[in-house]
Amino acid sequence: MKTTLTRCCSFMVLLMMIVSGFSAAYAQDVQKNGSEKQNTPAATAAEKRPIKTIGVIGGVSWASSIEYYRIMNEQVRDRLGGVSSAQLLMYSIEFGEFSKQEKLADKGDWTLMTKTIVDAAQRLKRGGADFIVIASNTLNSLAGTVEQQVGLPVLHIADATGKAVAKKGVRTVALLGTTYTMEQPFYRDRLTRYGIKVVIPSKKERDYINTVIFDELCANKVQRESREGFKKIIDRLRKEEGAEGVVLGCTEIPLLIKQEDVSIPVFDTTQIHSEAAVEYSLNGE
């Protein structure tokens, strides 16, 4: 009986030693793995500085908002690695009602449309956004109003585009967009700050472009005939107006026109704006 009890005690001691050794080894492995995880690009970037939350005003239209969301997440994944994704909020405006407000704005009454955009930015601020991205070239004309009334910086799409054009060394660009974007100075003036000359389509061409944007592209309808029409306009501006590049100054136009469609550099403002937002989110620049 005594011998049996002795053997049992010895076995228990041995078992406790094995378990203790395993626990120590496991703890070391956990510590090691934790250290390795902390050295990943994503962790290093997060430790370097807090990531800013992007606040996107989308839905204007939803077709391009999808592209913003996709591009931003792909950019963060490519920069930080692994399964990293963008830290963002998006408020999607109901475009059916908003399009009525746009028609009022076309007639000179911006009251309701401005109120809607400011309200969207305020919602994003309450949700924790650190800065605002207005996912529309035309509506970036309200950037100053949003900054003033909401108190958050707005990453202006024309500034991001101007930097991209200047970096490419292009000095004269054709600007395609809504009638408002092509005709009003808010966009052209921003581009000229970067030493860029802007040429625009004829009145007939501007009306055609505007119709395609609102009747087709905002509903995510991409027509081959419209693509050919846009290509002819761009080619004419290249030949007759000296355009060295073309700014797709409506976030829906990149759904229709790609670099392979034309012979001069294409500046996709959706891509450019999304990349600039990610850069600001990660690096504050």
C-alpha atoms as a PDB file:
ATOM      1  CA  MET A   1       0.000   0.000   0.000  1.00  0.00           C
ATOM      2  CA  LYS A   2       2.811   2.362   0.934  1.00  0.00           C
ATOM      3  CA  THR A   3       4.698   1.500  -2.263  1.00  0.00           C
ATOM      4  CA  THR A   4       1.608   2.192  -4.346  1.00  0.00           C
ATOM      5  CA  LEU A   5       1.094   5.550  -2.626  1.00  0.00           C
ATOM      6  CA  THR A   6       4.736   6.497  -3.220  1.00  0.00           C
ATOM      7  CA  ARG A   7       4.485   5.636  -6.907  1.00  0.00           C
ATOM      8  CA  CYS A   8       1.267   7.666  -7.205  1.00  0.00           C
ATOM      9  CA  CYS A   9       2.887  10.722  -5.604  1.00  0.00           C
ATOM     10  CA  SER A  10       5.929  10.414  -7.862  1.00  0.00           C
ATOM     11  CA  PHE A  11       3.677  10.242 -10.897  1.00  0.00           C
ATOM     12  CA  MET A  12       1.783  13.354  -9.785  1.00  0.00           C
ATOM     13  CA  VAL A  13       5.026  15.290  -9.287  1.00  0.00           C
ATOM     14  CA  LEU A  14       6.258  14.239 -12.722  1.00  0.00           C
ATOM     15  CA  LEU A  15       2.945  15.246 -14.292  1.00  0.00           C
ATOM     16  CA  MET A  16       3.072  18.651 -12.620  1.00  0.00           C
ATOM     17  CA  MET A  17       6.608  19.205 -13.949  1.00  0.00           C
ATOM     18  CA  ILE A  18       5.532  18.344 -17.476  1.00  0.00           C
ATOM     19  CA  VAL A  19       2.512  20.637 -17.300  1.00  0.00           C
ATOM     20  CA  SER A  20       4.617  23.470 -15.871  1.00  0.00           C
ATOM     21  CA  GLY A  21       7.176  23.072 -18.637  1.00  0.00           C
ATOM     22  CA  PHE A  22       4.470  23.066 -21.295  1.00  0.00           C
ATOM     23  CA  SER A  23       2.849  26.173 -19.797  1.00  0.00           C
ATOM     24  CA  ALA A  24       6.160  28.040 -19.774  1.00  0.00           C
ATOM     25  CA  ALA A  25       6.879  27.060 -23.371  1.00  0.00           C
ATOM     26  CA  TYR A  26       3.359  28.066 -24.405  1.00  0.00           C
ATOM     27  CA  ALA A  27       3.731  31.426 -22.682  1.00  0.00           C
ATOM     28  CA  GLN A  28       7.010  32.016 -24.521  1.00  0.00           C
ATOM     29  CA  ASP A  29       5.368  31.138 -27.833  1.00  0.00           C
ATOM     30  CA  VAL A  30       2.485  33.504 -27.148  1.00  0.00           C
ATOM     31  CA  GLN A  31       4.904  36.280 -26.240  1.00  0.00           C
ATOM     32  CA  LYS A  32       6.953  35.591 -29.359  1.00  0.00           C
ATOM     33  CA  ASN A  33       3.934  35.517 -31.653  1.00  0.00           C
ATOM     34  CA  GLY A  34       2.571  38.672 -30.080  1.00  0.00           C
ATOM     35  CA  SER A  35       5.884  40.378 -30.713  1.00  0.00           C
ATOM     36  CA  GLU A  36       5.858  39.233 -34.338  1.00  0.00           C
ATOM     37  CA  LYS A  37       2.334  40.554 -34.828  1.00  0.00           C
ATOM     38  CA  GLN A  38       3.370  43.894 -33.397  1.00  0.00           C
ATOM     39  CA  ASN A  39       6.058  44.110 -36.060  1.00  0.00           C
ATOM     40  CA  THR A  40       3.662  43.741 -39.000  1.00  0.00           C
ATOM     41  CA  PRO A  41       3.281  46.820 -41.253  1.00  0.00           C
ATOM     42  CA  ALA A  42      -0.293  47.372 -40.055  1.00  0.00           C
ATOM     43  CA  ALA A  43       0.695  47.332 -36.383  1.00  0.00           C
ATOM     44  CA  THR A  44       3.745  49.498 -37.015  1.00  0.00           C
ATOM     45  CA  ALA A  45       1.623  52.082 -38.831  1.00  0.00           C
ATOM     46  CA  ALA A  46      -1.012  52.067 -36.090  1.00  0.00           C
ATOM     47  CA  GLU A  47       1.682  52.477 -33.433  1.00  0.00           C
ATOM     48  CA  LYS A  48       3.329  55.257 -35.431  1.00  0.00           C
ATOM     49  CA  ARG A  49       0.251  57.498 -35.409  1.00  0.00           C
ATOM     50  CA  PRO A  50      -3.494  57.112 -34.897  1.00  0.00           C
ATOM     51  CA  ILE A  51      -5.373  56.349 -38.109  1.00  0.00           C
ATOM     52  CA  LYS A  52      -7.842  59.086 -39.005  1.00  0.00           C
ATOM     53  CA  THR A  53     -11.408  57.997 -39.723  1.00  0.00           C
ATOM     54  CA  ILE A  54     -12.589  58.941 -43.211  1.00  0.00           C
ATOM     55  CA  GLY A  55     -16.115  60.351 -43.437  1.00  0.00           C
ATOM     56  CA  VAL A  56     -17.548  59.886 -46.934  1.00  0.00           C
ATOM     57  CA  ILE A  57     -20.644  61.705 -48.167  1.00  0.00           C
ATOM     58  CA  GLY A  58     -21.897  59.207 -50.728  1.00  0.00           C
ATOM     59  CA  GLY A  59     -24.996  58.346 -52.679  1.00  0.00           C
ATOM     60  CA  VAL A  60     -24.406  61.182 -55.137  1.00  0.00           C
ATOM     61  CA  SER A  61     -24.604  58.875 -56.917  1.00  0.00           C
ATOM     62  CA  TRP A  62     -24.414  55.389 -55.393  1.00  0.00           C
ATOM     63  CA  ALA A  63     -22.741  54.061 -58.563  1.00  0.00           C
ATOM     64  CA  SER A  64     -19.550  56.014 -57.855  1.00  0.00           C
ATOM     65  CA  SER A  65     -19.824  55.586 -54.072  1.00  0.00           C
ATOM     66  CA  ILE A  66     -19.291  51.861 -54.576  1.00  0.00           C
ATOM     67  CA  GLU A  67     -16.008  52.678 -56.325  1.00  0.00           C
ATOM     68  CA  TYR A  68     -14.890  54.962 -53.501  1.00  0.00           C
ATOM     69  CA  TYR A  69     -15.485  52.213 -50.949  1.00  0.00           C
ATOM     70  CA  ARG A  70     -13.719  49.582 -53.045  1.00  0.00           C
ATOM     71  CA  ILE A  71     -10.684  51.716 -53.902  1.00  0.00           C
ATOM     72  CA  MET A  72     -10.150  52.963 -50.340  1.00  0.00           C
ATOM     73  CA  ASN A  73     -10.221  49.453 -48.919  1.00  0.00           C
ATOM     74  CA  GLU A  74      -7.910  48.115 -51.626  1.00  0.00           C
ATOM     75  CA  GLN A  75      -5.481  50.966 -51.011  1.00  0.00           C
ATOM     76  CA  VAL A  76      -5.292  50.289 -47.274  1.00  0.00           C
ATOM     77  CA  ARG A  77      -4.957  46.541 -47.851  1.00  0.00           C
ATOM     78  CA  ASP A  78      -2.075  47.113 -50.288  1.00  0.00           C
ATOM     79  CA  ARG A  79      -0.319  49.561 -47.979  1.00  0.00           C
ATOM     80  CA  LEU A  80      -0.725  47.786 -44.642  1.00  0.00           C
ATOM     81  CA  GLY A  81      -0.942  44.195 -45.835  1.00  0.00           C
ATOM     82  CA  GLY A  82      -2.916  41.200 -44.672  1.00  0.00           C
ATOM     83  CA  VAL A  83      -6.622  41.753 -44.243  1.00  0.00           C
ATOM     84  CA  SER A  84      -6.285  45.444 -43.346  1.00  0.00           C
ATOM     85  CA  SER A  85      -9.115  47.687 -44.517  1.00  0.00           C
ATOM     86  CA  ALA A  86     -10.057  51.360 -44.506  1.00  0.00           C
ATOM     87  CA  GLN A  87     -11.289  52.986 -41.318  1.00  0.00           C
ATOM     88  CA  LEU A  88     -14.244  54.893 -42.698  1.00  0.00           C
ATOM     89  CA  LEU A  89     -17.852  55.927 -42.324  1.00  0.00           C
ATOM     90  CA  MET A  90     -20.169  56.541 -45.284  1.00  0.00           C
ATOM     91  CA  TYR A  91     -23.457  58.378 -45.257  1.00  0.00           C
ATOM     92  CA  SER A  92     -25.407  57.641 -48.428  1.00  0.00           C
ATOM     93  CA  ILE A  93     -27.825  60.356 -49.515  1.00  0.00           C
ATOM     94  CA  GLU A  94     -31.087  59.237 -51.116  1.00  0.00           C
ATOM     95  CA  PHE A  95     -30.450  60.436 -54.661  1.00  0.00           C
ATOM     96  CA  GLY A  96     -34.044  60.469 -55.904  1.00  0.00           C
ATOM     97  CA  GLU A  97     -35.035  63.314 -53.602  1.00  0.00           C
ATOM     98  CA  PHE A  98     -31.602  64.900 -53.848  1.00  0.00           C
ATOM     99  CA  SER A  99     -31.863  65.125 -57.649  1.00  0.00           C
ATOM    100  CA  LYS A 100     -34.876  67.425 -57.159  1.00  0.00           C
ATOM    101  CA  GLN A 101     -32.722  69.634 -54.959  1.00  0.00           C
ATOM    102  CA  GLU A 102     -30.082  69.682 -57.688  1.00  0.00           C
ATOM    103  CA  LYS A 103     -32.641  70.970 -60.185  1.00  0.00           C
ATOM    104  CA  LEU A 104     -33.441  73.805 -57.806  1.00  0.00           C
ATOM    105  CA  ALA A 105     -29.718  74.524 -57.514  1.00  0.00           C
ATOM    106  CA  ASP A 106     -29.485  74.671 -61.315  1.00  0.00           C
ATOM    107  CA  LYS A 107     -32.028  77.495 -61.122  1.00  0.00           C
ATOM    108  CA  GLY A 108     -29.949  79.289 -58.492  1.00  0.00           C
ATOM    109  CA  ASP A 109     -31.520  78.043 -55.248  1.00  0.00           C
ATOM    110  CA  TRP A 110     -28.903  76.032 -53.357  1.00  0.00           C
ATOM    111  CA  THR A 111     -30.657  76.206 -49.980  1.00  0.00           C
ATOM    112  CA  LEU A 112     -32.004  72.649 -49.729  1.00  0.00           C
ATOM    113  CA  MET A 113     -28.999  70.998 -51.363  1.00  0.00           C
ATOM    114  CA  THR A 114     -26.569  72.819 -49.085  1.00  0.00           C
ATOM    115  CA  LYS A 115     -28.641  71.841 -46.060  1.00  0.00           C
ATOM    116  CA  THR A 116     -28.574  68.173 -47.119  1.00  0.00           C
ATOM    117  CA  ILE A 117     -24.796  68.107 -47.606  1.00  0.00           C
ATOM    118  CA  VAL A 118     -24.097  69.905 -44.322  1.00  0.00           C
ATOM    119  CA  ASP A 119     -26.464  67.540 -42.505  1.00  0.00           C
ATOM    120  CA  ALA A 120     -24.644  64.538 -43.989  1.00  0.00           C
ATOM    121  CA  ALA A 121     -21.289  65.914 -42.812  1.00  0.00           C
ATOM    122  CA  GLN A 122     -22.673  66.560 -39.315  1.00  0.00           C
ATOM    123  CA  ARG A 123     -23.904  62.968 -39.111  1.00  0.00           C
ATOM    124  CA  LEU A 124     -20.434  61.740 -40.049  1.00  0.00           C
ATOM    125  CA  LYS A 125     -18.842  63.989 -37.450  1.00  0.00           C
ATOM    126  CA  ARG A 126     -21.144  62.627 -34.754  1.00  0.00           C
ATOM    127  CA  GLY A 127     -20.176  59.142 -35.866  1.00  0.00           C
ATOM    128  CA  GLY A 128     -16.486  59.869 -35.284  1.00  0.00           C
ATOM    129  CA  ALA A 129     -15.161  61.001 -38.681  1.00  0.00           C
ATOM    130  CA  ASP A 130     -11.957  63.047 -38.528  1.00  0.00           C
ATOM    131  CA  PHE A 131     -12.320  64.594 -41.982  1.00  0.00           C
ATOM    132  CA  ILE A 132     -14.820  64.687 -44.829  1.00  0.00           C
ATOM    133  CA  VAL A 133     -14.672  63.366 -48.387  1.00  0.00           C
ATOM    134  CA  ILE A 134     -17.507  64.566 -50.635  1.00  0.00           C
ATOM    135  CA  ALA A 135     -17.786  61.818 -53.258  1.00  0.00           C
ATOM    136  CA  SER A 136     -18.804  64.180 -56.045  1.00  0.00           C
ATOM    137  CA  ASN A 137     -16.839  66.710 -58.068  1.00  0.00           C
ATOM    138  CA  THR A 138     -19.747  69.152 -58.359  1.00  0.00           C
ATOM    139  CA  LEU A 139     -20.594  69.078 -54.657  1.00  0.00           C
ATOM    140  CA  ASN A 140     -17.012  69.890 -53.674  1.00  0.00           C
ATOM    141  CA  SER A 141     -18.094  73.436 -54.510  1.00  0.00           C
ATOM    142  CA  LEU A 142     -19.636  73.310 -51.004  1.00  0.00           C
ATOM    143  CA  ALA A 143     -16.390  72.251 -49.312  1.00  0.00           C
ATOM    144  CA  GLY A 144     -15.813  75.647 -47.715  1.00  0.00           C
ATOM    145  CA  THR A 145     -19.374  75.808 -46.394  1.00  0.00           C
ATOM    146  CA  VAL A 146     -19.080  72.330 -44.881  1.00  0.00           C
ATOM    147  CA  GLU A 147     -15.777  73.158 -43.186  1.00  0.00           C
ATOM    148  CA  GLN A 148     -17.212  76.353 -41.748  1.00  0.00           C
ATOM    149  CA  GLN A 149     -20.507  74.913 -40.490  1.00  0.00           C
ATOM    150  CA  VAL A 150     -19.326  71.451 -39.408  1.00  0.00           C
ATOM    151  CA  GLY A 151     -15.831  72.159 -38.156  1.00  0.00           C
ATOM    152  CA  LEU A 152     -14.061  69.306 -39.933  1.00  0.00           C
ATOM    153  CA  PRO A 153     -11.542  69.570 -42.787  1.00  0.00           C
ATOM    154  CA  VAL A 154     -12.802  68.638 -46.257  1.00  0.00           C
ATOM    155  CA  LEU A 155     -10.382  66.948 -48.634  1.00  0.00           C
ATOM    156  CA  HIS A 156     -11.111  68.892 -51.831  1.00  0.00           C
ATOM    157  CA  ILE A 157     -11.215  66.730 -54.941  1.00  0.00           C
ATOM    158  CA  ALA A 158      -9.853  69.460 -57.226  1.00  0.00           C
ATOM    159  CA  ASP A 159      -6.759  69.910 -55.039  1.00  0.00           C
ATOM    160  CA  ALA A 160      -6.032  66.185 -55.147  1.00  0.00           C
ATOM    161  CA  THR A 161      -6.546  66.208 -58.924  1.00  0.00           C
ATOM    162  CA  GLY A 162      -4.395  69.289 -59.439  1.00  0.00           C
ATOM    163  CA  LYS A 163      -1.511  67.644 -57.591  1.00  0.00           C
ATOM    164  CA  ALA A 164      -1.870  64.472 -59.670  1.00  0.00           C
ATOM    165  CA  VAL A 165      -1.925  66.390 -62.972  1.00  0.00           C
ATOM    166  CA  ALA A 166       1.078  68.537 -62.013  1.00  0.00           C
ATOM    167  CA  LYS A 167       3.013  65.455 -60.906  1.00  0.00           C
ATOM    168  CA  LYS A 168       2.421  63.937 -64.324  1.00  0.00           C
ATOM    169  CA  GLY A 169       3.842  67.052 -65.993  1.00  0.00           C
ATOM    170  CA  VAL A 170       0.657  67.799 -67.941  1.00  0.00           C
ATOM    171  CA  ARG A 171      -0.009  71.512 -68.438  1.00  0.00           C
ATOM    172  CA  THR A 172      -3.275  71.625 -70.415  1.00  0.00           C
ATOM    173  CA  VAL A 173      -6.251  69.418 -69.573  1.00  0.00           C
ATOM    174  CA  ALA A 174      -9.751  68.943 -70.901  1.00  0.00           C
ATOM    175  CA  LEU A 175     -12.296  69.049 -68.084  1.00  0.00           C
ATOM    176  CA  LEU A 176     -15.356  66.821 -68.446  1.00  0.00           C
ATOM    177  CA  GLY A 177     -18.112  66.795 -65.844  1.00  0.00           C
ATOM    178  CA  THR A 178     -21.548  68.113 -65.062  1.00  0.00           C
ATOM    179  CA  THR A 179     -22.521  71.392 -66.701  1.00  0.00           C
ATOM    180  CA  TYR A 180     -21.918  73.154 -63.394  1.00  0.00           C
ATOM    181  CA  THR A 181     -18.424  71.708 -62.946  1.00  0.00           C
ATOM    182  CA  MET A 182     -17.396  72.540 -66.507  1.00  0.00           C
ATOM    183  CA  GLU A 183     -18.813  76.055 -66.542  1.00  0.00           C
ATOM    184  CA  GLN A 184     -18.289  77.421 -63.031  1.00  0.00           C
ATOM    185  CA  PRO A 185     -14.879  78.662 -61.823  1.00  0.00           C
ATOM    186  CA  PHE A 186     -14.686  76.707 -58.541  1.00  0.00           C
ATOM    187  CA  TYR A 187     -12.939  73.747 -60.199  1.00  0.00           C
ATOM    188  CA  ARG A 188     -10.902  75.519 -62.884  1.00  0.00           C
ATOM    189  CA  ASP A 189      -9.570  78.039 -60.384  1.00  0.00           C
ATOM    190  CA  ARG A 190      -8.291  75.242 -58.130  1.00  0.00           C
ATOM    191  CA  LEU A 191      -6.488  73.588 -61.046  1.00  0.00           C
ATOM    192  CA  THR A 192      -4.868  76.843 -62.187  1.00  0.00           C
ATOM    193  CA  ARG A 193      -3.197  77.085 -58.763  1.00  0.00           C
ATOM    194  CA  TYR A 194      -1.082  74.141 -59.904  1.00  0.00           C
ATOM    195  CA  GLY A 195      -0.088  75.806 -63.178  1.00  0.00           C
ATOM    196  CA  ILE A 196      -2.678  73.927 -65.225  1.00  0.00           C
ATOM    197  CA  LYS A 197      -4.628  75.364 -68.152  1.00  0.00           C
ATOM    198  CA  VAL A 198      -8.190  74.076 -68.471  1.00  0.00           C
ATOM    199  CA  VAL A 199     -10.184  73.709 -71.694  1.00  0.00           C
ATOM    200  CA  ILE A 200     -13.827  72.628 -71.794  1.00  0.00           C
ATOM    201  CA  PRO A 201     -16.161  71.138 -74.410  1.00  0.00           C
ATOM    202  CA  SER A 202     -18.514  73.244 -76.557  1.00  0.00           C
ATOM    203  CA  LYS A 203     -22.017  74.140 -75.330  1.00  0.00           C
ATOM    204  CA  LYS A 204     -23.568  71.311 -77.347  1.00  0.00           C
ATOM    205  CA  GLU A 205     -20.974  68.858 -76.035  1.00  0.00           C
ATOM    206  CA  ARG A 206     -21.461  70.024 -72.445  1.00  0.00           C
ATOM    207  CA  ASP A 207     -25.204  69.447 -72.686  1.00  0.00           C
ATOM    208  CA  TYR A 208     -24.613  65.966 -74.099  1.00  0.00           C
ATOM    209  CA  ILE A 209     -22.136  65.046 -71.341  1.00  0.00           C
ATOM    210  CA  ASN A 210     -24.488  66.309 -68.632  1.00  0.00           C
ATOM    211  CA  THR A 211     -27.381  64.270 -70.046  1.00  0.00           C
ATOM    212  CA  VAL A 212     -25.337  61.067 -70.136  1.00  0.00           C
ATOM    213  CA  ILE A 213     -24.195  61.600 -66.550  1.00  0.00           C
ATOM    214  CA  PHE A 214     -27.655  62.061 -65.060  1.00  0.00           C
ATOM    215  CA  ASP A 215     -29.753  59.855 -67.327  1.00  0.00           C
ATOM    216  CA  GLU A 216     -27.349  56.932 -67.602  1.00  0.00           C
ATOM    217  CA  LEU A 217     -24.282  56.871 -65.368  1.00  0.00           C
ATOM    218  CA  CYS A 218     -26.019  57.911 -62.139  1.00  0.00           C
ATOM    219  CA  ALA A 219     -28.239  54.862 -62.658  1.00  0.00           C
ATOM    220  CA  ASN A 220     -25.131  52.736 -63.336  1.00  0.00           C
ATOM    221  CA  LYS A 221     -26.076  52.351 -67.000  1.00  0.00           C
ATOM    222  CA  VAL A 222     -23.002  52.185 -69.216  1.00  0.00           C
ATOM    223  CA  GLN A 223     -23.790  52.502 -72.933  1.00  0.00           C
ATOM    224  CA  ARG A 224     -21.300  51.811 -75.735  1.00  0.00           C
ATOM    225  CA  GLU A 225     -22.771  54.648 -77.818  1.00  0.00           C
ATOM    226  CA  SER A 226     -22.129  57.100 -74.997  1.00  0.00           C
ATOM    227  CA  ARG A 227     -18.554  55.896 -74.651  1.00  0.00           C
ATOM    228  CA  GLU A 228     -17.969  56.579 -78.340  1.00  0.00           C
ATOM    229  CA  GLY A 229     -19.529  60.024 -77.955  1.00  0.00           C
ATOM    230  CA  PHE A 230     -17.218  60.902 -75.067  1.00  0.00           C
ATOM    231  CA  LYS A 231     -14.186  59.590 -76.953  1.00  0.00           C
ATOM    232  CA  LYS A 232     -14.975  61.862 -79.920  1.00  0.00           C
ATOM    233  CA  ILE A 233     -15.272  64.886 -77.650  1.00  0.00           C
ATOM    234  CA  ILE A 234     -11.963  64.127 -75.949  1.00  0.00           C
ATOM    235  CA  ASP A 235     -10.231  63.581 -79.279  1.00  0.00           C
ATOM    236  CA  ARG A 236     -11.536  66.884 -80.628  1.00  0.00           C
ATOM    237  CA  LEU A 237     -10.307  68.722 -77.537  1.00  0.00           C
ATOM    238  CA  ARG A 238      -6.917  67.090 -78.006  1.00  0.00           C
ATOM    239  CA  LYS A 239      -6.660  68.098 -81.662  1.00  0.00           C
ATOM    240  CA  GLU A 240      -8.306  71.524 -81.596  1.00  0.00           C
ATOM    241  CA  GLU A 241      -7.763  72.821 -78.056  1.00  0.00           C
ATOM    242  CA  GLY A 242      -4.361  71.295 -77.304  1.00  0.00           C
ATOM    243  CA  ALA A 243      -5.475  69.109 -74.420  1.00  0.00           C
ATOM    244  CA  GLU A 244      -2.562  66.993 -73.178  1.00  0.00           C
ATOM    245  CA  GLY A 245      -4.716  65.093 -70.697  1.00  0.00           C
ATOM    246  CA  VAL A 246      -8.340  64.736 -69.673  1.00  0.00           C
ATOM    247  CA  VAL A 247      -9.777  65.187 -66.185  1.00  0.00           C
ATOM    248  CA  LEU A 248     -12.825  62.999 -65.637  1.00  0.00           C
ATOM    249  CA  GLY A 249     -14.379  65.661 -63.434  1.00  0.00           C
ATOM    250  CA  CYS A 250     -17.450  63.678 -62.497  1.00  0.00           C
ATOM    251  CA  THR A 251     -17.067  60.605 -60.318  1.00  0.00           C
ATOM    252  CA  GLU A 252     -19.396  58.634 -62.599  1.00  0.00           C
ATOM    253  CA  ILE A 253     -17.450  59.228 -65.837  1.00  0.00           C
ATOM    254  CA  PRO A 254     -14.725  56.678 -64.911  1.00  0.00           C
ATOM    255  CA  LEU A 255     -17.457  54.048 -65.181  1.00  0.00           C
ATOM    256  CA  LEU A 256     -17.564  54.907 -68.886  1.00  0.00           C
ATOM    257  CA  ILE A 257     -14.085  56.082 -69.899  1.00  0.00           C
ATOM    258  CA  LYS A 258     -10.842  54.214 -69.168  1.00  0.00           C
ATOM    259  CA  GLN A 259      -7.243  54.978 -70.064  1.00  0.00           C
ATOM    260  CA  GLU A 260      -7.328  52.489 -72.948  1.00  0.00           C
ATOM    261  CA  ASP A 261     -10.174  54.440 -74.575  1.00  0.00           C
ATOM    262  CA  VAL A 262      -8.115  57.557 -75.342  1.00  0.00           C
ATOM    263  CA  SER A 263      -4.599  58.465 -76.423  1.00  0.00           C
ATOM    264  CA  ILE A 264      -3.848  61.117 -73.766  1.00  0.00           C
ATOM    265  CA  PRO A 265      -3.451  60.649 -69.986  1.00  0.00           C
ATOM    266  CA  VAL A 266      -6.725  60.120 -68.141  1.00  0.00           C
ATOM    267  CA  PHE A 267      -7.116  61.556 -64.646  1.00  0.00           C
ATOM    268  CA  ASP A 268      -9.735  59.484 -62.861  1.00  0.00           C
ATOM    269  CA  THR A 269     -10.923  61.772 -60.052  1.00  0.00           C
ATOM    270  CA  THR A 270     -12.608  58.926 -58.162  1.00  0.00           C
ATOM    271  CA  GLN A 271      -9.323  57.029 -57.989  1.00  0.00           C
ATOM    272  CA  ILE A 272      -7.292  60.149 -57.229  1.00  0.00           C
ATOM    273  CA  HIS A 273      -9.651  61.345 -54.499  1.00  0.00           C
ATOM    274  CA  SER A 274      -9.827  57.918 -52.863  1.00  0.00           C
ATOM    275  CA  GLU A 275      -6.035  57.568 -52.823  1.00  0.00           C
ATOM    276  CA  ALA A 276      -5.659  61.041 -51.332  1.00  0.00           C
ATOM    277  CA  ALA A 277      -8.177  60.164 -48.599  1.00  0.00           C
ATOM    278  CA  VAL A 278      -6.257  57.029 -47.657  1.00  0.00           C
ATOM    279  CA  GLU A 279      -2.982  58.941 -47.590  1.00  0.00           C
ATOM    280  CA  TYR A 280      -4.489  61.541 -45.270  1.00  0.00           C
ATOM    281  CA  SER A 281      -6.070  58.848 -43.107  1.00  0.00           C
ATOM    282  CA  LEU A 282      -2.817  56.958 -42.613  1.00  0.00           C
ATOM    283  CA  ASN A 283      -0.256  59.730 -42.697  1.00  0.00           C
ATOM    284  CA  GLY A 284      -2.128  62.976 -42.151  1.00  0.00           C
ATOM    285  CA  GLU A 285      -0.837  64.406 -45.422  1.00  0.00           C
END
